[in-house]
Amino acid sequence: MRDARRADFPHVLTLPTRWSDNDIYGHVNNVTYYSYFDTAVNSFLITQGVLDIHAGETVAFVVDSGCAYYQPLAFPDVVHIGLRVARLGGSSVRYELGVFRNDDATCAAYGHFVHVYVQRSSGSSTPIPDATRAVLQGLVRPSPTTPN
């Protein structure tokens, strides 16, 4: 989704790059993008009051992720992570994330991140809690890349 625009995402998180994000080649290392994804998703859920990382009965495990890279980022760029829900299932959710550099209109990278909800105590799959589902519903924006 190289042509994704910021307006395609109902939530955007802004993060500064850090000096330590750069690799020996002078750009943000690919593994750092996954940290950006994790931060965007989980900070959204925490600020919406539907994720208690310390004592919540349910947690979400990442079971699939991927990223396509179009343009490099480098310190001291500011990164804007666009977040949307492409698929909201019974116990899983597929997030799609656009990574935008500074004021660029087109994305520098495009990724996905799939969470499966489980009971913290047993690790068994469980339905997405109602309050979480209601919050996630506000992010639903199907995309052409969403698998059936």
N, C-alpha and C. Protein backbone atom coordinates (compact mmCIF):
# COMPACT_ATOMS: atom_id res chain seq x y z
N MET A 1 0.83 -1.19 0.00
CA MET A 1 0.00 0.00 0.00
C MET A 1 0.87 1.25 0.00
N ARG A 2 1.77 1.29 -0.92
CA ARG A 2 2.68 2.43 -1.06
C ARG A 2 1.93 3.74 -1.19
N ASP A 3 0.73 3.70 -1.75
CA ASP A 3 -0.03 4.93 -1.98
C ASP A 3 -0.94 5.30 -0.81
N ALA A 4 -0.82 4.63 0.33
CA ALA A 4 -1.63 4.95 1.51
C ALA A 4 -1.33 6.38 1.96
N ARG A 5 -2.37 7.07 2.38
CA ARG A 5 -2.27 8.45 2.87
C ARG A 5 -2.63 8.50 4.34
N ARG A 6 -2.18 9.52 5.02
CA ARG A 6 -2.50 9.67 6.44
C ARG A 6 -4.00 9.65 6.69
N ALA A 7 -4.76 10.23 5.79
CA ALA A 7 -6.21 10.29 5.95
C ALA A 7 -6.86 8.91 5.91
N ASP A 8 -6.14 7.89 5.45
CA ASP A 8 -6.65 6.52 5.41
C ASP A 8 -6.67 5.87 6.80
N PHE A 9 -6.10 6.54 7.78
CA PHE A 9 -5.95 5.97 9.11
C PHE A 9 -6.68 6.82 10.14
N PRO A 10 -7.61 6.22 10.89
CA PRO A 10 -8.37 7.00 11.87
C PRO A 10 -7.59 7.40 13.12
N HIS A 11 -6.43 6.79 13.35
CA HIS A 11 -5.61 7.15 14.51
C HIS A 11 -4.15 7.27 14.05
N VAL A 12 -3.47 8.30 14.53
CA VAL A 12 -2.05 8.50 14.20
C VAL A 12 -1.29 8.79 15.49
N LEU A 13 -0.19 8.06 15.69
CA LEU A 13 0.69 8.27 16.82
C LEU A 13 2.00 8.87 16.30
N THR A 14 2.46 9.93 16.93
CA THR A 14 3.71 10.58 16.53
C THR A 14 4.82 10.18 17.50
N LEU A 15 5.94 9.75 16.92
CA LEU A 15 7.10 9.32 17.71
C LEU A 15 8.36 9.94 17.13
N PRO A 16 9.27 10.41 17.99
CA PRO A 16 10.56 10.85 17.46
C PRO A 16 11.45 9.63 17.21
N THR A 17 12.25 9.69 16.20
CA THR A 17 13.28 8.65 16.07
C THR A 17 14.34 8.94 17.12
N ARG A 18 15.10 7.90 17.45
CA ARG A 18 16.17 8.04 18.42
C ARG A 18 17.51 7.76 17.71
N TRP A 19 18.56 8.30 18.22
CA TRP A 19 19.88 8.05 17.67
C TRP A 19 20.14 6.55 17.56
N SER A 20 19.71 5.80 18.56
CA SER A 20 19.96 4.36 18.59
C SER A 20 19.10 3.58 17.59
N ASP A 21 18.11 4.23 16.97
CA ASP A 21 17.30 3.56 15.94
C ASP A 21 18.09 3.33 14.65
N ASN A 22 19.09 4.18 14.40
CA ASN A 22 19.88 4.07 13.18
C ASN A 22 20.81 2.86 13.25
N ASP A 23 21.00 2.23 12.10
CA ASP A 23 21.96 1.14 12.03
C ASP A 23 23.24 1.63 11.36
N ILE A 24 24.14 0.75 11.10
CA ILE A 24 25.45 1.12 10.54
C ILE A 24 25.32 1.76 9.15
N TYR A 25 24.20 1.52 8.48
CA TYR A 25 23.99 2.08 7.14
C TYR A 25 23.40 3.49 7.19
N GLY A 26 23.12 4.00 8.40
CA GLY A 26 22.66 5.37 8.55
C GLY A 26 21.16 5.56 8.43
N HIS A 27 20.40 4.48 8.53
CA HIS A 27 18.95 4.61 8.51
C HIS A 27 18.35 3.73 9.61
N VAL A 28 17.06 3.98 9.89
CA VAL A 28 16.38 3.22 10.93
C VAL A 28 16.37 1.75 10.54
N ASN A 29 16.82 0.91 11.44
CA ASN A 29 16.88 -0.53 11.19
C ASN A 29 15.49 -1.12 11.07
N ASN A 30 15.34 -2.12 10.21
CA ASN A 30 14.02 -2.71 9.94
C ASN A 30 13.33 -3.24 11.20
N VAL A 31 14.07 -3.78 12.13
CA VAL A 31 13.44 -4.33 13.34
C VAL A 31 12.77 -3.23 14.16
N THR A 32 13.24 -2.01 14.05
CA THR A 32 12.67 -0.89 14.82
C THR A 32 11.24 -0.59 14.39
N TYR A 33 10.92 -0.83 13.13
CA TYR A 33 9.55 -0.59 12.65
C TYR A 33 8.55 -1.44 13.43
N TYR A 34 8.95 -2.66 13.77
CA TYR A 34 8.05 -3.54 14.53
C TYR A 34 7.83 -2.99 15.95
N SER A 35 8.83 -2.35 16.49
CA SER A 35 8.68 -1.68 17.78
C SER A 35 7.70 -0.51 17.65
N TYR A 36 7.80 0.22 16.55
CA TYR A 36 6.84 1.31 16.30
C TYR A 36 5.41 0.76 16.23
N PHE A 37 5.23 -0.37 15.54
CA PHE A 37 3.90 -0.97 15.42
C PHE A 37 3.36 -1.36 16.78
N ASP A 38 4.18 -2.05 17.55
CA ASP A 38 3.79 -2.50 18.88
C ASP A 38 3.41 -1.31 19.76
N THR A 39 4.21 -0.26 19.69
CA THR A 39 3.95 0.95 20.48
C THR A 39 2.65 1.62 20.04
N ALA A 40 2.42 1.72 18.74
CA ALA A 40 1.20 2.38 18.25
C ALA A 40 -0.05 1.62 18.68
N VAL A 41 -0.06 0.31 18.52
CA VAL A 41 -1.23 -0.50 18.86
C VAL A 41 -1.47 -0.48 20.36
N ASN A 42 -0.45 -0.82 21.13
CA ASN A 42 -0.65 -0.96 22.58
C ASN A 42 -0.88 0.38 23.28
N SER A 43 -0.23 1.44 22.83
CA SER A 43 -0.50 2.74 23.47
C SER A 43 -1.92 3.18 23.17
N PHE A 44 -2.42 2.88 21.98
CA PHE A 44 -3.81 3.20 21.66
C PHE A 44 -4.76 2.46 22.60
N LEU A 45 -4.55 1.15 22.75
CA LEU A 45 -5.42 0.34 23.61
C LEU A 45 -5.34 0.79 25.07
N ILE A 46 -4.16 1.13 25.54
CA ILE A 46 -4.00 1.60 26.92
C ILE A 46 -4.71 2.93 27.13
N THR A 47 -4.50 3.88 26.22
CA THR A 47 -5.13 5.20 26.38
C THR A 47 -6.65 5.12 26.25
N GLN A 48 -7.15 4.12 25.55
CA GLN A 48 -8.59 3.94 25.43
C GLN A 48 -9.17 3.20 26.64
N GLY A 49 -8.31 2.74 27.53
CA GLY A 49 -8.74 2.08 28.76
C GLY A 49 -9.17 0.64 28.60
N VAL A 50 -8.73 -0.01 27.50
CA VAL A 50 -9.13 -1.40 27.28
C VAL A 50 -7.97 -2.40 27.37
N LEU A 51 -6.81 -1.92 27.77
CA LEU A 51 -5.67 -2.82 27.97
C LEU A 51 -5.01 -2.49 29.30
N ASP A 52 -5.02 -3.46 30.19
CA ASP A 52 -4.32 -3.37 31.46
C ASP A 52 -3.16 -4.35 31.37
N ILE A 53 -1.96 -3.83 31.11
CA ILE A 53 -0.81 -4.71 30.86
C ILE A 53 -0.36 -5.47 32.10
N HIS A 54 -0.79 -5.03 33.27
CA HIS A 54 -0.35 -5.68 34.51
C HIS A 54 -1.35 -6.67 35.08
N ALA A 55 -2.64 -6.37 34.97
CA ALA A 55 -3.62 -7.20 35.67
C ALA A 55 -4.84 -7.58 34.83
N GLY A 56 -4.85 -7.25 33.54
CA GLY A 56 -6.01 -7.60 32.72
C GLY A 56 -6.19 -9.10 32.59
N GLU A 57 -7.45 -9.53 32.54
CA GLU A 57 -7.74 -10.97 32.41
C GLU A 57 -7.39 -11.51 31.03
N THR A 58 -7.45 -10.63 30.02
CA THR A 58 -7.10 -11.04 28.66
C THR A 58 -5.89 -10.26 28.19
N VAL A 59 -5.12 -10.89 27.33
CA VAL A 59 -3.98 -10.25 26.68
C VAL A 59 -4.04 -10.63 25.21
N ALA A 60 -3.32 -9.89 24.41
CA ALA A 60 -3.30 -10.18 22.98
C ALA A 60 -1.88 -10.54 22.57
N PHE A 61 -1.75 -11.68 21.90
CA PHE A 61 -0.46 -12.14 21.41
C PHE A 61 -0.36 -11.84 19.91
N VAL A 62 0.83 -11.41 19.49
CA VAL A 62 1.09 -11.22 18.07
C VAL A 62 1.30 -12.59 17.44
N VAL A 63 0.53 -12.90 16.39
CA VAL A 63 0.67 -14.19 15.71
C VAL A 63 1.12 -14.03 14.26
N ASP A 64 1.09 -12.78 13.76
CA ASP A 64 1.53 -12.54 12.38
C ASP A 64 1.87 -11.06 12.26
N SER A 65 2.93 -10.77 11.52
CA SER A 65 3.29 -9.38 11.27
C SER A 65 4.11 -9.33 9.99
N GLY A 66 4.14 -8.16 9.40
CA GLY A 66 4.92 -7.98 8.19
C GLY A 66 5.07 -6.50 7.89
N CYS A 67 6.03 -6.18 7.05
CA CYS A 67 6.27 -4.79 6.71
C CYS A 67 6.91 -4.69 5.32
N ALA A 68 6.43 -3.74 4.53
CA ALA A 68 7.03 -3.40 3.25
C ALA A 68 7.67 -2.02 3.40
N TYR A 69 8.89 -1.88 2.96
CA TYR A 69 9.65 -0.65 3.13
C TYR A 69 9.78 0.06 1.80
N TYR A 70 9.45 1.37 1.79
CA TYR A 70 9.47 2.13 0.54
C TYR A 70 10.52 3.24 0.54
N GLN A 71 10.71 3.89 1.68
CA GLN A 71 11.68 4.97 1.81
C GLN A 71 12.33 4.86 3.18
N PRO A 72 13.62 5.16 3.27
CA PRO A 72 14.28 5.03 4.58
C PRO A 72 13.91 6.17 5.53
N LEU A 73 13.94 5.85 6.80
CA LEU A 73 13.84 6.83 7.88
C LEU A 73 15.22 6.93 8.51
N ALA A 74 15.52 8.06 9.13
CA ALA A 74 16.80 8.22 9.83
C ALA A 74 16.63 9.26 10.94
N PHE A 75 17.41 9.10 12.00
CA PHE A 75 17.44 10.11 13.05
C PHE A 75 17.94 11.40 12.43
N PRO A 76 17.30 12.53 12.66
CA PRO A 76 16.28 12.87 13.65
C PRO A 76 14.87 13.01 13.07
N ASP A 77 14.48 12.15 12.13
CA ASP A 77 13.12 12.21 11.59
C ASP A 77 12.08 12.04 12.70
N VAL A 78 10.91 12.59 12.44
CA VAL A 78 9.74 12.35 13.28
C VAL A 78 8.86 11.38 12.51
N VAL A 79 8.40 10.34 13.21
CA VAL A 79 7.62 9.28 12.57
C VAL A 79 6.17 9.39 13.02
N HIS A 80 5.27 9.27 12.06
CA HIS A 80 3.83 9.28 12.32
C HIS A 80 3.31 7.91 11.91
N ILE A 81 2.75 7.17 12.87
CA ILE A 81 2.27 5.82 12.62
C ILE A 81 0.76 5.86 12.52
N GLY A 82 0.25 5.64 11.30
CA GLY A 82 -1.20 5.57 11.09
C GLY A 82 -1.69 4.18 11.44
N LEU A 83 -2.82 4.11 12.14
CA LEU A 83 -3.35 2.83 12.62
C LEU A 83 -4.80 2.67 12.18
N ARG A 84 -5.10 1.50 11.64
CA ARG A 84 -6.49 1.15 11.32
C ARG A 84 -6.66 -0.35 11.53
N VAL A 85 -7.93 -0.76 11.65
CA VAL A 85 -8.26 -2.17 11.76
C VAL A 85 -8.80 -2.60 10.40
N ALA A 86 -8.14 -3.58 9.81
CA ALA A 86 -8.57 -4.09 8.50
C ALA A 86 -9.54 -5.26 8.65
N ARG A 87 -9.41 -6.00 9.77
CA ARG A 87 -10.31 -7.14 10.00
C ARG A 87 -10.49 -7.32 11.50
N LEU A 88 -11.74 -7.41 11.91
CA LEU A 88 -12.08 -7.62 13.31
C LEU A 88 -12.84 -8.92 13.40
N GLY A 89 -12.15 -9.97 13.88
CA GLY A 89 -12.76 -11.29 13.98
C GLY A 89 -13.30 -11.54 15.38
N GLY A 90 -13.58 -12.81 15.66
CA GLY A 90 -14.12 -13.17 16.97
C GLY A 90 -13.10 -13.07 18.08
N SER A 91 -11.89 -13.57 17.82
CA SER A 91 -10.83 -13.53 18.84
C SER A 91 -9.55 -12.89 18.30
N SER A 92 -9.58 -12.38 17.07
CA SER A 92 -8.38 -11.79 16.49
C SER A 92 -8.70 -10.47 15.80
N VAL A 93 -7.65 -9.68 15.64
CA VAL A 93 -7.78 -8.40 14.95
C VAL A 93 -6.53 -8.19 14.09
N ARG A 94 -6.75 -7.73 12.88
CA ARG A 94 -5.64 -7.40 11.98
C ARG A 94 -5.55 -5.89 11.87
N TYR A 95 -4.44 -5.37 12.36
CA TYR A 95 -4.14 -3.95 12.25
C TYR A 95 -3.32 -3.73 10.99
N GLU A 96 -3.52 -2.58 10.36
CA GLU A 96 -2.64 -2.15 9.29
C GLU A 96 -2.09 -0.80 9.70
N LEU A 97 -0.80 -0.61 9.42
CA LEU A 97 -0.09 0.57 9.89
C LEU A 97 0.69 1.22 8.77
N GLY A 98 0.51 2.52 8.62
CA GLY A 98 1.28 3.30 7.67
C GLY A 98 2.31 4.11 8.43
N VAL A 99 3.54 4.07 7.97
CA VAL A 99 4.63 4.81 8.60
C VAL A 99 4.95 6.01 7.71
N PHE A 100 4.79 7.20 8.28
CA PHE A 100 5.00 8.43 7.54
C PHE A 100 6.17 9.20 8.13
N ARG A 101 7.07 9.66 7.28
CA ARG A 101 8.27 10.39 7.69
C ARG A 101 7.99 11.89 7.67
N ASN A 102 8.24 12.54 8.78
CA ASN A 102 8.09 13.99 8.90
C ASN A 102 6.74 14.43 8.33
N ASP A 103 6.75 15.31 7.33
CA ASP A 103 5.50 15.80 6.74
C ASP A 103 5.17 15.13 5.41
N ASP A 104 5.84 14.04 5.08
CA ASP A 104 5.59 13.36 3.81
C ASP A 104 4.13 12.91 3.71
N ALA A 105 3.57 13.03 2.53
CA ALA A 105 2.17 12.65 2.30
C ALA A 105 2.01 11.15 2.08
N THR A 106 3.03 10.52 1.51
CA THR A 106 2.93 9.08 1.25
C THR A 106 3.75 8.31 2.27
N CYS A 107 3.38 7.05 2.45
CA CYS A 107 4.03 6.28 3.52
C CYS A 107 5.42 5.80 3.11
N ALA A 108 6.28 5.77 4.11
CA ALA A 108 7.64 5.27 3.94
C ALA A 108 7.69 3.76 4.12
N ALA A 109 6.70 3.23 4.85
CA ALA A 109 6.58 1.79 5.07
C ALA A 109 5.12 1.48 5.38
N TYR A 110 4.76 0.22 5.14
CA TYR A 110 3.38 -0.21 5.39
C TYR A 110 3.43 -1.60 6.00
N GLY A 111 2.77 -1.75 7.14
CA GLY A 111 2.84 -3.03 7.82
C GLY A 111 1.51 -3.53 8.30
N HIS A 112 1.54 -4.77 8.79
CA HIS A 112 0.36 -5.34 9.44
C HIS A 112 0.81 -6.07 10.70
N PHE A 113 -0.16 -6.26 11.58
CA PHE A 113 0.11 -6.78 12.92
C PHE A 113 -1.17 -7.49 13.33
N VAL A 114 -1.13 -8.79 13.60
CA VAL A 114 -2.32 -9.54 13.99
C VAL A 114 -2.22 -9.95 15.45
N HIS A 115 -3.23 -9.58 16.21
CA HIS A 115 -3.34 -9.98 17.61
C HIS A 115 -4.40 -11.05 17.75
N VAL A 116 -4.13 -12.07 18.55
CA VAL A 116 -5.13 -13.05 18.98
C VAL A 116 -5.28 -12.87 20.48
N TYR A 117 -6.52 -12.74 20.91
CA TYR A 117 -6.81 -12.55 22.34
C TYR A 117 -6.83 -13.90 23.06
N VAL A 118 -6.20 -13.92 24.23
CA VAL A 118 -6.12 -15.13 25.05
C VAL A 118 -6.38 -14.77 26.51
N GLN A 119 -6.80 -15.79 27.27
CA GLN A 119 -6.91 -15.64 28.71
C GLN A 119 -5.49 -15.61 29.29
N ARG A 120 -5.21 -14.60 30.10
CA ARG A 120 -3.87 -14.48 30.69
C ARG A 120 -3.52 -15.73 31.50
N SER A 121 -4.47 -16.25 32.26
CA SER A 121 -4.19 -17.37 33.17
C SER A 121 -3.91 -18.68 32.45
N SER A 122 -4.58 -18.92 31.32
CA SER A 122 -4.44 -20.21 30.65
C SER A 122 -3.72 -20.15 29.31
N GLY A 123 -3.70 -18.97 28.69
CA GLY A 123 -3.13 -18.86 27.35
C GLY A 123 -4.07 -19.36 26.27
N SER A 124 -5.32 -19.67 26.66
CA SER A 124 -6.31 -20.18 25.71
C SER A 124 -6.98 -19.03 24.97
N SER A 125 -7.25 -19.25 23.69
CA SER A 125 -7.94 -18.25 22.88
C SER A 125 -9.28 -17.89 23.52
N THR A 126 -9.62 -16.61 23.41
CA THR A 126 -10.87 -16.12 23.98
C THR A 126 -11.43 -15.02 23.09
N PRO A 127 -12.73 -14.82 23.11
CA PRO A 127 -13.30 -13.73 22.31
C PRO A 127 -12.72 -12.37 22.73
N ILE A 128 -12.65 -11.46 21.78
CA ILE A 128 -12.24 -10.09 22.09
C ILE A 128 -13.26 -9.52 23.07
N PRO A 129 -12.81 -8.97 24.20
CA PRO A 129 -13.75 -8.40 25.16
C PRO A 129 -14.63 -7.32 24.52
N ASP A 130 -15.87 -7.22 24.98
CA ASP A 130 -16.83 -6.29 24.39
C ASP A 130 -16.33 -4.85 24.37
N ALA A 131 -15.74 -4.39 25.47
CA ALA A 131 -15.25 -3.00 25.52
C ALA A 131 -14.14 -2.78 24.50
N THR A 132 -13.26 -3.77 24.35
CA THR A 132 -12.17 -3.68 23.37
C THR A 132 -12.74 -3.68 21.96
N ARG A 133 -13.69 -4.55 21.71
CA ARG A 133 -14.33 -4.63 20.39
C ARG A 133 -14.96 -3.28 20.02
N ALA A 134 -15.63 -2.65 20.96
CA ALA A 134 -16.26 -1.35 20.69
C ALA A 134 -15.23 -0.30 20.30
N VAL A 135 -14.09 -0.29 21.00
CA VAL A 135 -13.01 0.65 20.67
C VAL A 135 -12.42 0.34 19.30
N LEU A 136 -12.16 -0.94 19.04
CA LEU A 136 -11.57 -1.34 17.76
C LEU A 136 -12.50 -1.06 16.59
N GLN A 137 -13.79 -1.18 16.83
CA GLN A 137 -14.76 -0.93 15.76
C GLN A 137 -14.59 0.48 15.18
N GLY A 138 -14.19 1.42 16.03
CA GLY A 138 -13.96 2.78 15.57
C GLY A 138 -12.76 2.94 14.65
N LEU A 139 -11.91 1.92 14.59
CA LEU A 139 -10.73 1.96 13.72
C LEU A 139 -10.91 1.17 12.43
N VAL A 140 -12.05 0.52 12.26
CA VAL A 140 -12.23 -0.36 11.09
C VAL A 140 -12.28 0.46 9.81
N ARG A 141 -11.35 0.14 8.93
CA ARG A 141 -11.27 0.72 7.59
C ARG A 141 -10.69 -0.37 6.69
N PRO A 142 -11.54 -1.21 6.09
CA PRO A 142 -11.00 -2.28 5.23
C PRO A 142 -10.12 -1.72 4.12
N SER A 143 -9.12 -2.49 3.75
CA SER A 143 -8.22 -2.07 2.69
C SER A 143 -8.18 -3.15 1.61
N PRO A 144 -7.70 -2.78 0.42
CA PRO A 144 -7.61 -3.77 -0.66
C PRO A 144 -6.66 -4.92 -0.36
N THR A 145 -5.75 -4.75 0.62
CA THR A 145 -4.78 -5.79 0.92
C THR A 145 -5.27 -6.77 1.97
N THR A 146 -6.47 -6.52 2.53
CA THR A 146 -6.97 -7.38 3.59
C THR A 146 -7.30 -8.77 3.04
N PRO A 147 -6.70 -9.82 3.64
CA PRO A 147 -7.00 -11.16 3.17
C PRO A 147 -8.43 -11.56 3.54
N ASN A 148 -9.01 -12.45 2.76
CA ASN A 148 -10.39 -12.90 3.03
C ASN A 148 -10.45 -13.83 4.20
